[in-house]
């Protein structure tokens, strides 16, 4: 009976310690902004052809041009940030989704007929719980990655304009 109690205590201690060890791997958000952020907004992007990729771009402006951002987490996705070639104080992150036609699968009882099917991409689990208009940016300080949450990311709606045929110059 005494050994059963010791085994139970040891098992309980192991479970409690393993649950606390997961807390240290969680990403910690910085409370103080590492730089002054300007406008942060996103825009949907549509390809000019029906089968082309679609997606969303997020634009993040920083006031200090020496400050370097690395990545962004937004609406359940992650992307690397690149400097805007026209504005060195603005970063752009691109989230690309494939068109619906590229996801068509061939289902057949003969496995040879399904040869051309592509393996679906697994969604990435980002380490943050974010609202629809929130994003998290990562940056490095002395070789250590840090994270800061940006709120109130506005979505700029684009107007889809159909392509018109070229004018007839007869």
Protein backbone atom coordinates (compact mmCIF):
# COMPACT_ATOMS: atom_id res chain seq x y z
CA UNK A 1 0.00 0.00 0.00
CA UNK A 2 2.87 2.33 0.86
CA UNK A 3 4.55 1.72 -2.51
CA UNK A 4 1.24 2.43 -4.28
CA UNK A 5 1.09 5.85 -2.59
CA UNK A 6 4.67 6.60 -3.58
CA UNK A 7 3.97 5.64 -7.20
CA UNK A 8 0.86 7.84 -7.21
CA UNK A 9 2.81 10.82 -5.76
CA UNK A 10 5.60 10.33 -8.30
CA UNK A 11 3.10 10.17 -11.16
CA UNK A 12 1.29 13.29 -9.93
CA UNK A 13 4.56 15.19 -9.56
CA UNK A 14 5.61 14.20 -13.09
CA UNK A 15 2.31 15.40 -14.60
CA UNK A 16 2.44 18.72 -12.73
CA UNK A 17 6.07 19.39 -13.71
CA UNK A 18 5.49 18.55 -17.37
CA UNK A 19 2.50 20.91 -17.53
CA UNK A 20 4.60 23.77 -16.16
CA UNK A 21 7.45 23.08 -18.58
CA UNK A 22 5.15 23.94 -21.50
CA UNK A 23 4.71 27.48 -20.18
CA UNK A 24 8.34 28.36 -20.77
CA UNK A 25 8.11 27.54 -24.49
CA UNK A 26 5.27 30.03 -25.05
CA UNK A 27 6.21 33.17 -26.97
CA UNK A 28 6.29 36.24 -24.77
CA UNK A 29 5.00 39.51 -26.17
CA UNK A 30 6.86 42.71 -25.36
CA UNK A 31 4.77 45.30 -23.55
CA UNK A 32 6.79 48.29 -24.79
CA UNK A 33 6.98 49.00 -28.50
CA UNK A 34 10.54 48.57 -29.83
CA UNK A 35 10.03 51.49 -32.22
CA UNK A 36 7.26 53.86 -33.23
CA UNK A 37 4.90 52.21 -35.68
CA UNK A 38 3.03 54.15 -38.33
CA UNK A 39 0.17 52.94 -40.52
CA UNK A 40 -0.56 49.22 -40.45
CA UNK A 41 -3.04 47.92 -42.99
CA UNK A 42 -3.77 44.96 -45.22
CA UNK A 43 -5.11 44.53 -48.76
CA UNK A 44 -6.42 41.50 -50.59
CA UNK A 45 -4.57 40.63 -53.77
CA UNK A 46 -6.17 38.93 -56.74
CA UNK A 47 -4.33 37.51 -59.71
CA UNK A 48 -5.19 38.76 -63.18
CA UNK A 49 -5.95 35.23 -64.35
CA UNK A 50 -8.58 32.88 -62.98
CA UNK A 51 -6.16 30.07 -62.04
CA UNK A 52 -3.60 32.42 -60.52
CA UNK A 53 -2.75 32.71 -56.85
CA UNK A 54 -4.63 35.04 -54.57
CA UNK A 55 -3.71 36.34 -51.17
CA UNK A 56 -3.33 39.23 -48.83
CA UNK A 57 -0.51 41.69 -48.21
CA UNK A 58 0.06 43.41 -44.89
CA UNK A 59 1.88 46.75 -44.77
CA UNK A 60 3.67 47.84 -41.59
CA UNK A 61 5.32 51.24 -41.33
CA UNK A 62 8.10 51.96 -38.83
CA UNK A 63 9.31 55.47 -38.02
CA UNK A 64 12.95 54.41 -37.48
CA UNK A 65 14.53 53.24 -40.76
CA UNK A 66 17.38 51.49 -38.88
CA UNK A 67 14.95 49.18 -37.08
CA UNK A 68 14.60 45.74 -38.73
CA UNK A 69 11.45 43.61 -38.63
CA UNK A 70 11.67 39.90 -39.41
CA UNK A 71 8.26 38.21 -39.64
CA UNK A 72 4.56 38.82 -39.15
CA UNK A 73 1.74 36.64 -37.79
CA UNK A 74 -1.71 37.62 -39.01
CA UNK A 75 -5.09 35.86 -39.28
CA UNK A 76 -3.68 32.44 -38.53
CA UNK A 77 -0.75 32.69 -40.95
CA UNK A 78 2.91 33.64 -40.82
CA UNK A 79 5.07 35.42 -43.42
CA UNK A 80 8.53 36.91 -43.74
CA UNK A 81 8.62 40.68 -43.98
CA UNK A 82 10.45 42.48 -46.79
CA UNK A 83 11.22 46.17 -47.09
CA UNK A 84 9.11 48.05 -49.58
CA UNK A 85 11.43 49.09 -52.46
CA UNK A 86 9.62 52.47 -52.77
CA UNK A 87 9.63 53.21 -49.02
CA UNK A 88 12.47 51.96 -46.78
CA UNK A 89 10.37 52.59 -43.65
CA UNK A 90 7.61 50.22 -44.74
CA UNK A 91 7.58 46.42 -44.60
CA UNK A 92 5.36 44.10 -46.64
CA UNK A 93 4.30 40.59 -45.69
CA UNK A 94 2.59 38.44 -48.33
CA UNK A 95 0.18 35.63 -47.55
CA UNK A 96 -0.55 33.61 -50.68
CA UNK A 97 -3.50 31.27 -51.09
CA UNK A 98 -3.93 29.10 -54.13
CA UNK A 99 -6.89 29.49 -56.45
CA UNK A 100 -9.74 27.05 -56.04
CA UNK A 101 -9.01 25.44 -59.41
CA UNK A 102 -5.52 24.40 -58.34
CA UNK A 103 -6.95 22.35 -55.46
CA UNK A 104 -9.05 20.03 -57.61
CA UNK A 105 -8.35 16.40 -56.82
CA UNK A 106 -8.83 13.39 -59.02
CA UNK A 107 -10.58 10.69 -57.04
CA UNK A 108 -10.61 7.25 -58.63
CA UNK A 109 -10.68 3.63 -57.53
CA UNK A 110 -7.52 3.14 -59.62
CA UNK A 111 -4.60 4.76 -57.71
CA UNK A 112 -2.71 5.31 -60.98
CA UNK A 113 -5.38 7.81 -62.05
CA UNK A 114 -4.70 9.89 -58.92
CA UNK A 115 -0.98 10.26 -59.69
CA UNK A 116 -1.09 14.02 -60.51
CA UNK A 117 -2.79 15.02 -57.23
CA UNK A 118 -0.80 17.39 -55.04
CA UNK A 119 -0.56 16.83 -51.31
CA UNK A 120 -2.64 19.47 -49.49
CA UNK A 121 -0.66 21.88 -47.34
CA UNK A 122 -1.09 21.53 -43.60
CA UNK A 123 -2.12 24.78 -41.94
CA UNK A 124 0.55 26.26 -39.70
CA UNK A 125 -0.35 26.66 -36.05
CA UNK A 126 0.87 30.10 -35.04
CA UNK A 127 1.92 30.52 -31.41
CA UNK A 128 -0.41 33.46 -30.72
CA UNK A 129 -4.11 33.99 -30.08
CA UNK A 130 -5.04 37.03 -32.16
CA UNK A 131 -8.21 38.92 -32.91
CA UNK A 132 -9.19 39.50 -36.54
CA UNK A 133 -7.55 42.95 -36.66
CA UNK A 134 -4.39 42.10 -34.66
CA UNK A 135 -0.96 41.01 -35.81
CA UNK A 136 2.34 40.15 -34.14
CA UNK A 137 5.71 41.18 -35.56
CA UNK A 138 9.00 39.54 -34.72
CA UNK A 139 12.35 41.29 -34.59
CA UNK A 140 15.81 40.52 -33.26
CA UNK A 141 17.68 42.28 -30.48
CA UNK A 142 21.24 41.06 -29.79
CA UNK A 143 20.50 37.79 -31.58
CA UNK A 144 17.37 37.08 -29.55
CA UNK A 145 13.94 37.02 -31.24
CA UNK A 146 11.27 39.20 -29.64
CA UNK A 147 7.59 39.74 -30.43
CA UNK A 148 5.28 42.73 -30.31
CA UNK A 149 1.51 42.83 -30.92
CA UNK A 150 0.04 45.44 -33.25
CA UNK A 151 -3.66 46.22 -32.90
CA UNK A 152 -6.14 47.93 -35.19
CA UNK A 153 -4.84 46.58 -38.49
CA UNK A 154 -7.22 48.14 -41.00
CA UNK A 155 -8.30 46.36 -44.14
CA UNK A 156 -8.32 48.41 -47.32
CA UNK A 157 -10.89 47.06 -49.74
CA UNK A 158 -9.91 47.02 -53.37
CA UNK A 159 -12.40 47.44 -56.15
CA UNK A 160 -12.37 44.62 -58.66
CA UNK A 161 -12.51 46.10 -62.13
CA UNK A 162 -12.93 43.68 -65.02
CA UNK A 163 -10.40 43.93 -67.77
CA UNK A 164 -11.83 45.63 -70.81
CA UNK A 165 -10.90 44.63 -74.33
CA UNK A 166 -8.39 46.76 -76.14
CA UNK A 167 -9.98 49.61 -78.10
CA UNK A 168 -10.47 48.96 -81.79
CA UNK A 169 -8.22 51.42 -83.59
CA UNK A 170 -9.54 51.04 -87.15
